[in-house]
Amino acid sequence: MMPWWSWVLIWTGLVLVLLVVLALCAVSLYRKVMALLAEFETLQQLLDEQAAAAEALVAPIPDPESAILRGAAAVERERRLIREDIGERKHARHEARLARGRALIKADPMQYAHLARK
């Protein structure tokens, strides 16, 4: 049987170890929170820069004039220009798809000849 004072020493040691572990965890958590706050500040700066860049890129859109007031000829001319632009973009996409397809179909037979050599 152990004397009573040995139990006091054991429990005192356990409490001290517990306090040291809690202090180490608190210090570690504090460092992580400080690093997180620094990252939040960096993120806030980046977001502010991006917002400023976005504001600079956005041009104010003028109020459109009513088609009735512009007249049929002006509206038709504008519509024709928009349709031509859409057609040109569609044609460019079509040509790009055709070029990619030709590149996939047309293969160089000697492309992997170095693998067959011994």
PDB file of N, CA and C in Angstrom:
ATOM      1  N   MET A   1       0.844  -1.171   0.000  1.00  0.00           N
ATOM      2  CA  MET A   1       0.000   0.000   0.000  1.00  0.00           C
ATOM      3  C   MET A   1       0.890   1.236   0.000  1.00  0.00           C
ATOM      4  N   MET A   2       0.486   2.219  -0.822  1.00  0.00           N
ATOM      5  CA  MET A   2       1.286   3.431  -0.947  1.00  0.00           C
ATOM      6  C   MET A   2       0.823   4.448   0.095  1.00  0.00           C
ATOM      7  N   PRO A   3       1.770   5.266   0.562  1.00  0.00           N
ATOM      8  CA  PRO A   3       1.376   6.291   1.537  1.00  0.00           C
ATOM      9  C   PRO A   3       0.532   7.373   0.856  1.00  0.00           C
ATOM     10  N   TRP A   4      -0.186   8.144   1.648  1.00  0.00           N
ATOM     11  CA  TRP A   4      -1.113   9.136   1.130  1.00  0.00           C
ATOM     12  C   TRP A   4      -0.417  10.221   0.345  1.00  0.00           C
ATOM     13  N   TRP A   5       0.805  10.597   0.727  1.00  0.00           N
ATOM     14  CA  TRP A   5       1.496  11.682   0.060  1.00  0.00           C
ATOM     15  C   TRP A   5       1.940  11.286  -1.354  1.00  0.00           C
ATOM     16  N   SER A   6       2.104   9.955  -1.613  1.00  0.00           N
ATOM     17  CA  SER A   6       2.470   9.532  -2.973  1.00  0.00           C
ATOM     18  C   SER A   6       1.322   9.797  -3.943  1.00  0.00           C
ATOM     19  N   TRP A   7       0.071   9.634  -3.437  1.00  0.00           N
ATOM     20  CA  TRP A   7      -1.083   9.943  -4.284  1.00  0.00           C
ATOM     21  C   TRP A   7      -1.153  11.440  -4.586  1.00  0.00           C
ATOM     22  N   VAL A   8      -0.801  12.260  -3.617  1.00  0.00           N
ATOM     23  CA  VAL A   8      -0.785  13.701  -3.829  1.00  0.00           C
ATOM     24  C   VAL A   8       0.260  14.051  -4.883  1.00  0.00           C
ATOM     25  N   LEU A   9       1.437  13.422  -4.832  1.00  0.00           N
ATOM     26  CA  LEU A   9       2.484  13.667  -5.829  1.00  0.00           C
ATOM     27  C   LEU A   9       2.049  13.213  -7.224  1.00  0.00           C
ATOM     28  N   ILE A  10       1.438  12.041  -7.295  1.00  0.00           N
ATOM     29  CA  ILE A  10       0.985  11.512  -8.592  1.00  0.00           C
ATOM     30  C   ILE A  10      -0.054  12.451  -9.213  1.00  0.00           C
ATOM     31  N   TRP A  11      -1.069  12.845  -8.420  1.00  0.00           N
ATOM     32  CA  TRP A  11      -2.109  13.711  -8.955  1.00  0.00           C
ATOM     33  C   TRP A  11      -1.586  15.100  -9.283  1.00  0.00           C
ATOM     34  N   THR A  12      -0.663  15.596  -8.494  1.00  0.00           N
ATOM     35  CA  THR A  12      -0.050  16.892  -8.787  1.00  0.00           C
ATOM     36  C   THR A  12       0.714  16.812 -10.101  1.00  0.00           C
ATOM     37  N   GLY A  13       1.461  15.727 -10.297  1.00  0.00           N
ATOM     38  CA  GLY A  13       2.191  15.533 -11.558  1.00  0.00           C
ATOM     39  C   GLY A  13       1.247  15.431 -12.748  1.00  0.00           C
ATOM     40  N   LEU A  14       0.157  14.686 -12.574  1.00  0.00           N
ATOM     41  CA  LEU A  14      -0.816  14.555 -13.664  1.00  0.00           C
ATOM     42  C   LEU A  14      -1.457  15.894 -14.008  1.00  0.00           C
ATOM     43  N   VAL A  15      -1.808  16.674 -13.002  1.00  0.00           N
ATOM     44  CA  VAL A  15      -2.412  17.982 -13.242  1.00  0.00           C
ATOM     45  C   VAL A  15      -1.416  18.903 -13.939  1.00  0.00           C
ATOM     46  N   LEU A  16      -0.134  18.851 -13.508  1.00  0.00           N
ATOM     47  CA  LEU A  16       0.885  19.678 -14.159  1.00  0.00           C
ATOM     48  C   LEU A  16       1.086  19.276 -15.617  1.00  0.00           C
ATOM     49  N   VAL A  17       1.102  17.973 -15.884  1.00  0.00           N
ATOM     50  CA  VAL A  17       1.235  17.500 -17.271  1.00  0.00           C
ATOM     51  C   VAL A  17       0.025  17.952 -18.086  1.00  0.00           C
ATOM     52  N   LEU A  18      -1.160  17.854 -17.495  1.00  0.00           N
ATOM     53  CA  LEU A  18      -2.361  18.308 -18.187  1.00  0.00           C
ATOM     54  C   LEU A  18      -2.277  19.791 -18.504  1.00  0.00           C
ATOM     55  N   LEU A  19      -1.831  20.602 -17.555  1.00  0.00           N
ATOM     56  CA  LEU A  19      -1.712  22.034 -17.789  1.00  0.00           C
ATOM     57  C   LEU A  19      -0.678  22.349 -18.869  1.00  0.00           C
ATOM     58  N   VAL A  20       0.427  21.615 -18.904  1.00  0.00           N
ATOM     59  CA  VAL A  20       1.439  21.826 -19.944  1.00  0.00           C
ATOM     60  C   VAL A  20       0.875  21.464 -21.311  1.00  0.00           C
ATOM     61  N   VAL A  21       0.161  20.344 -21.396  1.00  0.00           N
ATOM     62  CA  VAL A  21      -0.437  19.935 -22.672  1.00  0.00           C
ATOM     63  C   VAL A  21      -1.466  20.967 -23.123  1.00  0.00           C
ATOM     64  N   LEU A  22      -2.290  21.445 -22.209  1.00  0.00           N
ATOM     65  CA  LEU A  22      -3.277  22.464 -22.570  1.00  0.00           C
ATOM     66  C   LEU A  22      -2.601  23.760 -23.013  1.00  0.00           C
ATOM     67  N   ALA A  23      -1.519  24.145 -22.343  1.00  0.00           N
ATOM     68  CA  ALA A  23      -0.796  25.352 -22.735  1.00  0.00           C
ATOM     69  C   ALA A  23      -0.192  25.191 -24.131  1.00  0.00           C
ATOM     70  N   LEU A  24       0.380  24.026 -24.419  1.00  0.00           N
ATOM     71  CA  LEU A  24       0.950  23.786 -25.752  1.00  0.00           C
ATOM     72  C   LEU A  24      -0.132  23.811 -26.827  1.00  0.00           C
ATOM     73  N   CYS A  25      -1.276  23.223 -26.523  1.00  0.00           N
ATOM     74  CA  CYS A  25      -2.386  23.260 -27.483  1.00  0.00           C
ATOM     75  C   CYS A  25      -2.875  24.688 -27.695  1.00  0.00           C
ATOM     76  N   ALA A  26      -2.944  25.470 -26.616  1.00  0.00           N
ATOM     77  CA  ALA A  26      -3.385  26.854 -26.734  1.00  0.00           C
ATOM     78  C   ALA A  26      -2.409  27.671 -27.563  1.00  0.00           C
ATOM     79  N   VAL A  27      -1.109  27.477 -27.364  1.00  0.00           N
ATOM     80  CA  VAL A  27      -0.108  28.200 -28.146  1.00  0.00           C
ATOM     81  C   VAL A  27      -0.207  27.806 -29.619  1.00  0.00           C
ATOM     82  N   SER A  28      -0.351  26.513 -29.876  1.00  0.00           N
ATOM     83  CA  SER A  28      -0.479  26.043 -31.255  1.00  0.00           C
ATOM     84  C   SER A  28      -1.724  26.630 -31.917  1.00  0.00           C
ATOM     85  N   LEU A  29      -2.833  26.621 -31.206  1.00  0.00           N
ATOM     86  CA  LEU A  29      -4.073  27.173 -31.739  1.00  0.00           C
ATOM     87  C   LEU A  29      -3.940  28.674 -31.976  1.00  0.00           C
ATOM     88  N   TYR A  30      -3.290  29.378 -31.075  1.00  0.00           N
ATOM     89  CA  TYR A  30      -3.081  30.814 -31.230  1.00  0.00           C
ATOM     90  C   TYR A  30      -2.264  31.103 -32.487  1.00  0.00           C
ATOM     91  N   ARG A  31      -1.199  30.337 -32.710  1.00  0.00           N
ATOM     92  CA  ARG A  31      -0.366  30.529 -33.904  1.00  0.00           C
ATOM     93  C   ARG A  31      -1.167  30.264 -35.175  1.00  0.00           C
ATOM     94  N   LYS A  32      -1.996  29.227 -35.151  1.00  0.00           N
ATOM     95  CA  LYS A  32      -2.807  28.912 -36.329  1.00  0.00           C
ATOM     96  C   LYS A  32      -3.827  30.014 -36.609  1.00  0.00           C
ATOM     97  N   VAL A  33      -4.423  30.559 -35.548  1.00  0.00           N
ATOM     98  CA  VAL A  33      -5.398  31.640 -35.729  1.00  0.00           C
ATOM     99  C   VAL A  33      -4.704  32.876 -36.291  1.00  0.00           C
ATOM    100  N   MET A  34      -3.511  33.182 -35.798  1.00  0.00           N
ATOM    101  CA  MET A  34      -2.777  34.345 -36.304  1.00  0.00           C
ATOM    102  C   MET A  34      -2.401  34.153 -37.780  1.00  0.00           C
ATOM    103  N   ALA A  35      -1.983  32.937 -38.146  1.00  0.00           N
ATOM    104  CA  ALA A  35      -1.661  32.660 -39.547  1.00  0.00           C
ATOM    105  C   ALA A  35      -2.924  32.776 -40.407  1.00  0.00           C
ATOM    106  N   LEU A  36      -4.053  32.315 -39.894  1.00  0.00           N
ATOM    107  CA  LEU A  36      -5.320  32.411 -40.624  1.00  0.00           C
ATOM    108  C   LEU A  36      -5.723  33.871 -40.817  1.00  0.00           C
ATOM    109  N   LEU A  37      -5.545  34.697 -39.794  1.00  0.00           N
ATOM    110  CA  LEU A  37      -5.871  36.115 -39.931  1.00  0.00           C
ATOM    111  C   LEU A  37      -4.969  36.796 -40.958  1.00  0.00           C
ATOM    112  N   ALA A  38      -3.695  36.415 -40.990  1.00  0.00           N
ATOM    113  CA  ALA A  38      -2.792  36.977 -41.991  1.00  0.00           C
ATOM    114  C   ALA A  38      -3.240  36.582 -43.398  1.00  0.00           C
ATOM    115  N   GLU A  39      -3.667  35.342 -43.563  1.00  0.00           N
ATOM    116  CA  GLU A  39      -4.158  34.887 -44.869  1.00  0.00           C
ATOM    117  C   GLU A  39      -5.451  35.620 -45.247  1.00  0.00           C
ATOM    118  N   PHE A  40      -6.312  35.878 -44.269  1.00  0.00           N
ATOM    119  CA  PHE A  40      -7.533  36.634 -44.548  1.00  0.00           C
ATOM    120  C   PHE A  40      -7.210  38.053 -44.997  1.00  0.00           C
ATOM    121  N   GLU A  41      -6.205  38.663 -44.390  1.00  0.00           N
ATOM    122  CA  GLU A  41      -5.808  40.001 -44.804  1.00  0.00           C
ATOM    123  C   GLU A  41      -5.277  39.991 -46.243  1.00  0.00           C
ATOM    124  N   THR A  42      -4.470  38.974 -46.559  1.00  0.00           N
ATOM    125  CA  THR A  42      -3.960  38.840 -47.930  1.00  0.00           C
ATOM    126  C   THR A  42      -5.111  38.634 -48.910  1.00  0.00           C
ATOM    127  N   LEU A  43      -6.063  37.790 -48.527  1.00  0.00           N
ATOM    128  CA  LEU A  43      -7.223  37.541 -49.378  1.00  0.00           C
ATOM    129  C   LEU A  43      -8.040  38.815 -49.576  1.00  0.00           C
ATOM    130  N   GLN A  44      -8.196  39.590 -48.517  1.00  0.00           N
ATOM    131  CA  GLN A  44      -8.946  40.835 -48.626  1.00  0.00           C
ATOM    132  C   GLN A  44      -8.261  41.811 -49.574  1.00  0.00           C
ATOM    133  N   GLN A  45      -6.926  41.877 -49.506  1.00  0.00           N
ATOM    134  CA  GLN A  45      -6.187  42.744 -50.425  1.00  0.00           C
ATOM    135  C   GLN A  45      -6.374  42.292 -51.866  1.00  0.00           C
ATOM    136  N   LEU A  46      -6.287  40.976 -52.089  1.00  0.00           N
ATOM    137  CA  LEU A  46      -6.483  40.454 -53.446  1.00  0.00           C
ATOM    138  C   LEU A  46      -7.897  40.753 -53.951  1.00  0.00           C
ATOM    139  N   LEU A  47      -8.886  40.569 -53.089  1.00  0.00           N
ATOM    140  CA  LEU A  47     -10.257  40.853 -53.503  1.00  0.00           C
ATOM    141  C   LEU A  47     -10.448  42.328 -53.812  1.00  0.00           C
ATOM    142  N   ASP A  48      -9.828  43.205 -53.021  1.00  0.00           N
ATOM    143  CA  ASP A  48      -9.921  44.638 -53.302  1.00  0.00           C
ATOM    144  C   ASP A  48      -9.283  44.981 -54.640  1.00  0.00           C
ATOM    145  N   GLU A  49      -8.116  44.364 -54.927  1.00  0.00           N
ATOM    146  CA  GLU A  49      -7.448  44.607 -56.210  1.00  0.00           C
ATOM    147  C   GLU A  49      -8.297  44.107 -57.369  1.00  0.00           C
ATOM    148  N   GLN A  50      -8.892  42.916 -57.199  1.00  0.00           N
ATOM    149  CA  GLN A  50      -9.735  42.367 -58.259  1.00  0.00           C
ATOM    150  C   GLN A  50     -10.982  43.225 -58.467  1.00  0.00           C
ATOM    151  N   ALA A  51     -11.554  43.715 -57.389  1.00  0.00           N
ATOM    152  CA  ALA A  51     -12.736  44.568 -57.518  1.00  0.00           C
ATOM    153  C   ALA A  51     -12.383  45.867 -58.233  1.00  0.00           C
ATOM    154  N   ALA A  52     -11.215  46.424 -57.907  1.00  0.00           N
ATOM    155  CA  ALA A  52     -10.801  47.654 -58.580  1.00  0.00           C
ATOM    156  C   ALA A  52     -10.548  47.406 -60.068  1.00  0.00           C
ATOM    157  N   ALA A  53      -9.931  46.258 -60.387  1.00  0.00           N
ATOM    158  CA  ALA A  53      -9.686  45.925 -61.792  1.00  0.00           C
ATOM    159  C   ALA A  53     -11.003  45.701 -62.531  1.00  0.00           C
ATOM    160  N   ALA A  54     -11.952  45.052 -61.883  1.00  0.00           N
ATOM    161  CA  ALA A  54     -13.254  44.814 -62.513  1.00  0.00           C
ATOM    162  C   ALA A  54     -13.989  46.126 -62.743  1.00  0.00           C
ATOM    163  N   GLU A  55     -13.895  47.032 -61.783  1.00  0.00           N
ATOM    164  CA  GLU A  55     -14.543  48.334 -61.952  1.00  0.00           C
ATOM    165  C   GLU A  55     -13.932  49.099 -63.122  1.00  0.00           C
ATOM    166  N   ALA A  56     -12.603  48.966 -63.287  1.00  0.00           N
ATOM    167  CA  ALA A  56     -11.933  49.671 -64.375  1.00  0.00           C
ATOM    168  C   ALA A  56     -12.307  49.086 -65.733  1.00  0.00           C
ATOM    169  N   LEU A  57     -12.564  47.765 -65.766  1.00  0.00           N
ATOM    170  CA  LEU A  57     -12.884  47.116 -67.041  1.00  0.00           C
ATOM    171  C   LEU A  57     -14.317  47.371 -67.498  1.00  0.00           C
ATOM    172  N   VAL A  58     -15.188  47.576 -66.552  1.00  0.00           N
ATOM    173  CA  VAL A  58     -16.598  47.748 -66.903  1.00  0.00           C
ATOM    174  C   VAL A  58     -16.816  49.177 -67.390  1.00  0.00           C
ATOM    175  N   ALA A  59     -17.226  49.282 -68.629  1.00  0.00           N
ATOM    176  CA  ALA A  59     -17.529  50.599 -69.201  1.00  0.00           C
ATOM    177  C   ALA A  59     -19.005  50.890 -68.964  1.00  0.00           C
ATOM    178  N   PRO A  60     -19.325  52.117 -68.688  1.00  0.00           N
ATOM    179  CA  PRO A  60     -20.747  52.429 -68.495  1.00  0.00           C
ATOM    180  C   PRO A  60     -21.511  52.220 -69.804  1.00  0.00           C
ATOM    181  N   ILE A  61     -22.617  51.533 -69.701  1.00  0.00           N
ATOM    182  CA  ILE A  61     -23.432  51.229 -70.874  1.00  0.00           C
ATOM    183  C   ILE A  61     -24.424  52.374 -71.069  1.00  0.00           C
ATOM    184  N   PRO A  62     -24.389  53.004 -72.240  1.00  0.00           N
ATOM    185  CA  PRO A  62     -25.340  54.109 -72.461  1.00  0.00           C
ATOM    186  C   PRO A  62     -26.758  53.555 -72.583  1.00  0.00           C
ATOM    187  N   ASP A  63     -27.709  54.377 -72.217  1.00  0.00           N
ATOM    188  CA  ASP A  63     -29.098  53.966 -72.336  1.00  0.00           C
ATOM    189  C   ASP A  63     -29.434  53.790 -73.808  1.00  0.00           C
ATOM    190  N   PRO A  64     -30.003  52.647 -74.152  1.00  0.00           N
ATOM    191  CA  PRO A  64     -30.335  52.440 -75.569  1.00  0.00           C
ATOM    192  C   PRO A  64     -31.490  53.339 -75.995  1.00  0.00           C
ATOM    193  N   GLU A  65     -31.353  53.809 -77.213  1.00  0.00           N
ATOM    194  CA  GLU A  65     -32.412  54.639 -77.765  1.00  0.00           C
ATOM    195  C   GLU A  65     -33.504  53.724 -78.304  1.00  0.00           C
ATOM    196  N   SER A  66     -34.693  54.102 -78.175  1.00  0.00           N
ATOM    197  CA  SER A  66     -35.809  53.297 -78.617  1.00  0.00           C
ATOM    198  C   SER A  66     -35.718  53.033 -80.122  1.00  0.00           C
ATOM    199  N   ALA A  67     -36.047  51.817 -80.529  1.00  0.00           N
ATOM    200  CA  ALA A  67     -36.004  51.450 -81.943  1.00  0.00           C
ATOM    201  C   ALA A  67     -37.028  52.247 -82.746  1.00  0.00           C
ATOM    202  N   ILE A  68     -38.072  52.635 -82.116  1.00  0.00           N
ATOM    203  CA  ILE A  68     -39.096  53.421 -82.814  1.00  0.00           C
ATOM    204  C   ILE A  68     -38.553  54.798 -83.183  1.00  0.00           C
ATOM    205  N   LEU A  69     -37.769  55.377 -82.258  1.00  0.00           N
ATOM    206  CA  LEU A  69     -37.224  56.712 -82.515  1.00  0.00           C
ATOM    207  C   LEU A  69     -36.055  56.671 -83.496  1.00  0.00           C
ATOM    208  N   ARG A  70     -35.321  55.546 -83.549  1.00  0.00           N
ATOM    209  CA  ARG A  70     -34.166  55.455 -84.457  1.00  0.00           C
ATOM    210  C   ARG A  70     -34.588  55.246 -85.895  1.00  0.00           C
ATOM    211  N   GLY A  71     -35.650  54.589 -86.116  1.00  0.00           N
ATOM    212  CA  GLY A  71     -36.108  54.342 -87.479  1.00  0.00           C
ATOM    213  C   GLY A  71     -35.787  52.923 -87.914  1.00  0.00           C
ATOM    214  N   ALA A  72     -36.552  52.449 -88.884  1.00  0.00           N
ATOM    215  CA  ALA A  72     -36.433  51.057 -89.337  1.00  0.00           C
ATOM    216  C   ALA A  72     -35.102  50.793 -90.023  1.00  0.00           C
ATOM    217  N   ALA A  73     -34.604  51.760 -90.774  1.00  0.00           N
ATOM    218  CA  ALA A  73     -33.348  51.541 -91.513  1.00  0.00           C
ATOM    219  C   ALA A  73     -32.176  51.366 -90.548  1.00  0.00           C
ATOM    220  N   ALA A  74     -32.099  52.184 -89.527  1.00  0.00           N
ATOM    221  CA  ALA A  74     -30.992  52.087 -88.565  1.00  0.00           C
ATOM    222  C   ALA A  74     -31.059  50.781 -87.786  1.00  0.00           C
ATOM    223  N   VAL A  75     -32.259  50.394 -87.396  1.00  0.00           N
ATOM    224  CA  VAL A  75     -32.426  49.149 -86.645  1.00  0.00           C
ATOM    225  C   VAL A  75     -32.052  47.963 -87.526  1.00  0.00           C
ATOM    226  N   GLU A  76     -32.491  47.984 -88.784  1.00  0.00           N
ATOM    227  CA  GLU A  76     -32.168  46.887 -89.704  1.00  0.00           C
ATOM    228  C   GLU A  76     -30.667  46.822 -89.949  1.00  0.00           C
ATOM    229  N   ARG A  77     -30.007  47.959 -90.105  1.00  0.00           N
ATOM    230  CA  ARG A  77     -28.561  47.989 -90.314  1.00  0.00           C
ATOM    231  C   ARG A  77     -27.830  47.410 -89.092  1.00  0.00           C
ATOM    232  N   GLU A  78     -28.272  47.801 -87.899  1.00  0.00           N
ATOM    233  CA  GLU A  78     -27.650  47.280 -86.673  1.00  0.00           C
ATOM    234  C   GLU A  78     -27.863  45.774 -86.545  1.00  0.00           C
ATOM    235  N   ARG A  79     -29.067  45.331 -86.855  1.00  0.00           N
ATOM    236  CA  ARG A  79     -29.366  43.897 -86.775  1.00  0.00           C
ATOM    237  C   ARG A  79     -28.540  43.118 -87.786  1.00  0.00           C
ATOM    238  N   ARG A  80     -28.376  43.659 -88.999  1.00  0.00           N
ATOM    239  CA  ARG A  80     -27.578  42.992 -90.028  1.00  0.00           C
ATOM    240  C   ARG A  80     -26.120  42.876 -89.573  1.00  0.00           C
ATOM    241  N   LEU A  81     -25.579  43.946 -88.961  1.00  0.00           N
ATOM    242  CA  LEU A  81     -24.198  43.894 -88.461  1.00  0.00           C
ATOM    243  C   LEU A  81     -24.030  42.848 -87.366  1.00  0.00           C
ATOM    244  N   ILE A  82     -24.999  42.782 -86.468  1.00  0.00           N
ATOM    245  CA  ILE A  82     -24.938  41.777 -85.390  1.00  0.00           C
ATOM    246  C   ILE A  82     -25.005  40.379 -85.981  1.00  0.00           C
ATOM    247  N   ARG A  83     -25.903  40.161 -86.943  1.00  0.00           N
ATOM    248  CA  ARG A  83     -26.043  38.850 -87.578  1.00  0.00           C
ATOM    249  C   ARG A  83     -24.769  38.463 -88.333  1.00  0.00           C
ATOM    250  N   GLU A  84     -24.143  39.425 -89.015  1.00  0.00           N
ATOM    251  CA  GLU A  84     -22.892  39.139 -89.723  1.00  0.00           C
ATOM    252  C   GLU A  84     -21.795  38.747 -88.743  1.00  0.00           C
ATOM    253  N   ASP A  85     -21.732  39.441 -87.608  1.00  0.00           N
ATOM    254  CA  ASP A  85     -20.725  39.122 -86.595  1.00  0.00           C
ATOM    255  C   ASP A  85     -20.960  37.721 -86.043  1.00  0.00           C
ATOM    256  N   ILE A  86     -22.210  37.387 -85.786  1.00  0.00           N
ATOM    257  CA  ILE A  86     -22.529  36.042 -85.292  1.00  0.00           C
ATOM    258  C   ILE A  86     -22.157  34.999 -86.336  1.00  0.00           C
ATOM    259  N   GLY A  87     -22.466  35.277 -87.600  1.00  0.00           N
ATOM    260  CA  GLY A  87     -22.119  34.338 -88.671  1.00  0.00           C
ATOM    261  C   GLY A  87     -20.614  34.148 -88.810  1.00  0.00           C
ATOM    262  N   GLU A  88     -19.856  35.246 -88.684  1.00  0.00           N
ATOM    263  CA  GLU A  88     -18.398  35.132 -88.773  1.00  0.00           C
ATOM    264  C   GLU A  88     -17.830  34.302 -87.622  1.00  0.00           C
ATOM    265  N   ARG A  89     -18.340  34.526 -86.427  1.00  0.00           N
ATOM    266  CA  ARG A  89     -17.863  33.737 -85.280  1.00  0.00           C
ATOM    267  C   ARG A  89     -18.234  32.264 -85.436  1.00  0.00           C
ATOM    268  N   LYS A  90     -19.449  32.001 -85.953  1.00  0.00           N
ATOM    269  CA  LYS A  90     -19.872  30.625 -86.170  1.00  0.00           C
ATOM    270  C   LYS A  90     -18.988  29.956 -87.216  1.00  0.00           C
ATOM    271  N   HIS A  91     -18.669  30.682 -88.277  1.00  0.00           N
ATOM    272  CA  HIS A  91     -17.810  30.146 -89.328  1.00  0.00           C
ATOM    273  C   HIS A  91     -16.399  29.885 -88.795  1.00  0.00           C
ATOM    274  N   ALA A  92     -15.878  30.792 -87.975  1.00  0.00           N
ATOM    275  CA  ALA A  92     -14.541  30.602 -87.395  1.00  0.00           C
ATOM    276  C   ALA A  92     -14.521  29.368 -86.496  1.00  0.00           C
ATOM    277  N   ARG A  93     -15.570  29.164 -85.697  1.00  0.00           N
ATOM    278  CA  ARG A  93     -15.636  27.956 -84.854  1.00  0.00           C
ATOM    279  C   ARG A  93     -15.709  26.701 -85.707  1.00  0.00           C
ATOM    280  N   HIS A  94     -16.484  26.777 -86.798  1.00  0.00           N
ATOM    281  CA  HIS A  94     -16.611  25.628 -87.695  1.00  0.00           C
ATOM    282  C   HIS A  94     -15.263  25.291 -88.332  1.00  0.00           C
ATOM    283  N   GLU A  95     -14.551  26.307 -88.794  1.00  0.00           N
ATOM    284  CA  GLU A  95     -13.232  26.079 -89.398  1.00  0.00           C
ATOM    285  C   GLU A  95     -12.248  25.516 -88.371  1.00  0.00           C
ATOM    286  N   ALA A  96     -12.324  25.993 -87.143  1.00  0.00           N
ATOM    287  CA  ALA A  96     -11.433  25.476 -86.102  1.00  0.00           C
ATOM    288  C   ALA A  96     -11.733  24.010 -85.818  1.00  0.00           C
ATOM    289  N   ARG A  97     -13.017  23.642 -85.787  1.00  0.00           N
ATOM    290  CA  ARG A  97     -13.375  22.237 -85.582  1.00  0.00           C
ATOM    291  C   ARG A  97     -12.896  21.375 -86.748  1.00  0.00           C
ATOM    292  N   LEU A  98     -13.049  21.885 -87.971  1.00  0.00           N
ATOM    293  CA  LEU A  98     -12.571  21.132 -89.137  1.00  0.00           C
ATOM    294  C   LEU A  98     -11.054  20.954 -89.094  1.00  0.00           C
ATOM    295  N   ALA A  99     -10.339  22.000 -88.729  1.00  0.00           N
ATOM    296  CA  ALA A  99      -8.875  21.908 -88.657  1.00  0.00           C
ATOM    297  C   ALA A  99      -8.457  20.906 -87.595  1.00  0.00           C
ATOM    298  N   ARG A 100      -9.144  20.904 -86.474  1.00  0.00           N
ATOM    299  CA  ARG A 100      -8.818  19.937 -85.422  1.00  0.00           C
ATOM    300  C   ARG A 100      -9.110  18.514 -85.889  1.00  0.00           C
ATOM    301  N   GLY A 101     -10.232  18.335 -86.577  1.00  0.00           N
ATOM    302  CA  GLY A 101     -10.572  17.012 -87.096  1.00  0.00           C
ATOM    303  C   GLY A 101      -9.554  16.534 -88.122  1.00  0.00           C
ATOM    304  N   ARG A 102      -9.117  17.443 -89.006  1.00  0.00           N
ATOM    305  CA  ARG A 102      -8.097  17.061 -89.991  1.00  0.00           C
ATOM    306  C   ARG A 102      -6.796  16.685 -89.305  1.00  0.00           C
ATOM    307  N   ALA A 103      -6.442  17.414 -88.264  1.00  0.00           N
ATOM    308  CA  ALA A 103      -5.204  17.109 -87.547  1.00  0.00           C
ATOM    309  C   ALA A 103      -5.294  15.755 -86.857  1.00  0.00           C
ATOM    310  N   LEU A 104      -6.476  15.394 -86.381  1.00  0.00           N
ATOM    311  CA  LEU A 104      -6.640  14.098 -85.717  1.00  0.00           C
ATOM    312  C   LEU A 104      -6.634  12.950 -86.715  1.00  0.00           C
ATOM    313  N   ILE A 105      -7.184  13.196 -87.890  1.00  0.00           N
ATOM    314  CA  ILE A 105      -7.272  12.135 -88.900  1.00  0.00           C
ATOM    315  C   ILE A 105      -5.933  11.931 -89.579  1.00  0.00           C
ATOM    316  N   LYS A 106      -5.281  13.019 -89.922  1.00  0.00           N
ATOM    317  CA  LYS A 106      -4.024  12.944 -90.655  1.00  0.00           C
ATOM    318  C   LYS A 106      -2.883  12.713 -89.656  1.00  0.00           C
ATOM    319  N   ALA A 107      -2.422  11.469 -89.582  1.00  0.00           N
ATOM    320  CA  ALA A 107      -1.357  11.124 -88.645  1.00  0.00           C
ATOM    321  C   ALA A 107      -0.090  10.797 -89.411  1.00  0.00           C
ATOM    322  N   ASP A 108       1.014  11.134 -88.856  1.00  0.00           N
ATOM    323  CA  ASP A 108       2.310  10.833 -89.443  1.00  0.00           C
ATOM    324  C   ASP A 108       2.626   9.367 -89.155  1.00  0.00           C
ATOM    325  N   PRO A 109       2.801   8.529 -90.204  1.00  0.00           N
ATOM    326  CA  PRO A 109       3.055   7.106 -89.958  1.00  0.00           C
ATOM    327  C   PRO A 109       4.407   6.859 -89.291  1.00  0.00           C
ATOM    328  N   MET A 110       5.323   7.775 -89.410  1.00  0.00           N
ATOM    329  CA  MET A 110       6.649   7.594 -88.811  1.00  0.00           C
ATOM    330  C   MET A 110       6.752   8.271 -87.438  1.00  0.00           C
ATOM    331  N   GLN A 111       5.632   8.684 -86.901  1.00  0.00           N
ATOM    332  CA  GLN A 111       5.632   9.424 -85.640  1.00  0.00           C
ATOM    333  C   GLN A 111       6.214   8.593 -84.498  1.00  0.00           C
ATOM    334  N   TYR A 112       5.924   7.295 -84.493  1.00  0.00           N
ATOM    335  CA  TYR A 112       6.383   6.439 -83.410  1.00  0.00           C
ATOM    336  C   TYR A 112       7.373   5.385 -83.908  1.00  0.00           C
ATOM    337  N   ALA A 113       8.089   5.715 -84.983  1.00  0.00           N
ATOM    338  CA  ALA A 113       9.054   4.755 -85.549  1.00  0.00           C
ATOM    339  C   ALA A 113      10.199   4.491 -84.577  1.00  0.00           C
ATOM    340  N   HIS A 114      10.548   5.454 -83.758  1.00  0.00           N
ATOM    341  CA  HIS A 114      11.666   5.258 -82.827  1.00  0.00           C
ATOM    342  C   HIS A 114      11.325   4.190 -81.775  1.00  0.00           C
ATOM    343  N   LEU A 115      10.050   3.902 -81.560  1.00  0.00           N
ATOM    344  CA  LEU A 115       9.679   2.875 -80.601  1.00  0.00           C
ATOM    345  C   LEU A 115       9.864   1.473 -81.157  1.00  0.00           C
ATOM    346  N   ALA A 116       9.779   1.345 -82.492  1.00  0.00           N
ATOM    347  CA  ALA A 116       9.898   0.052 -83.131  1.00  0.00           C
ATOM    348  C   ALA A 116      11.360  -0.356 -83.330  1.00  0.00           C
ATOM    349  N   ARG A 117      12.263   0.560 -83.318  1.00  0.00           N
ATOM    350  CA  ARG A 117      13.682   0.245 -83.510  1.00  0.00           C
ATOM    351  C   ARG A 117      14.240  -0.471 -82.309  1.00  0.00           C
ATOM    352  N   LYS A 118      15.169  -1.362 -82.608  1.00  0.00           N
ATOM    353  CA  LYS A 118      15.794  -2.105 -81.495  1.00  0.00           C
ATOM    354  C   LYS A 118      17.284  -1.940 -81.509  1.00  0.00           C
TER     355      LYS A 118
END
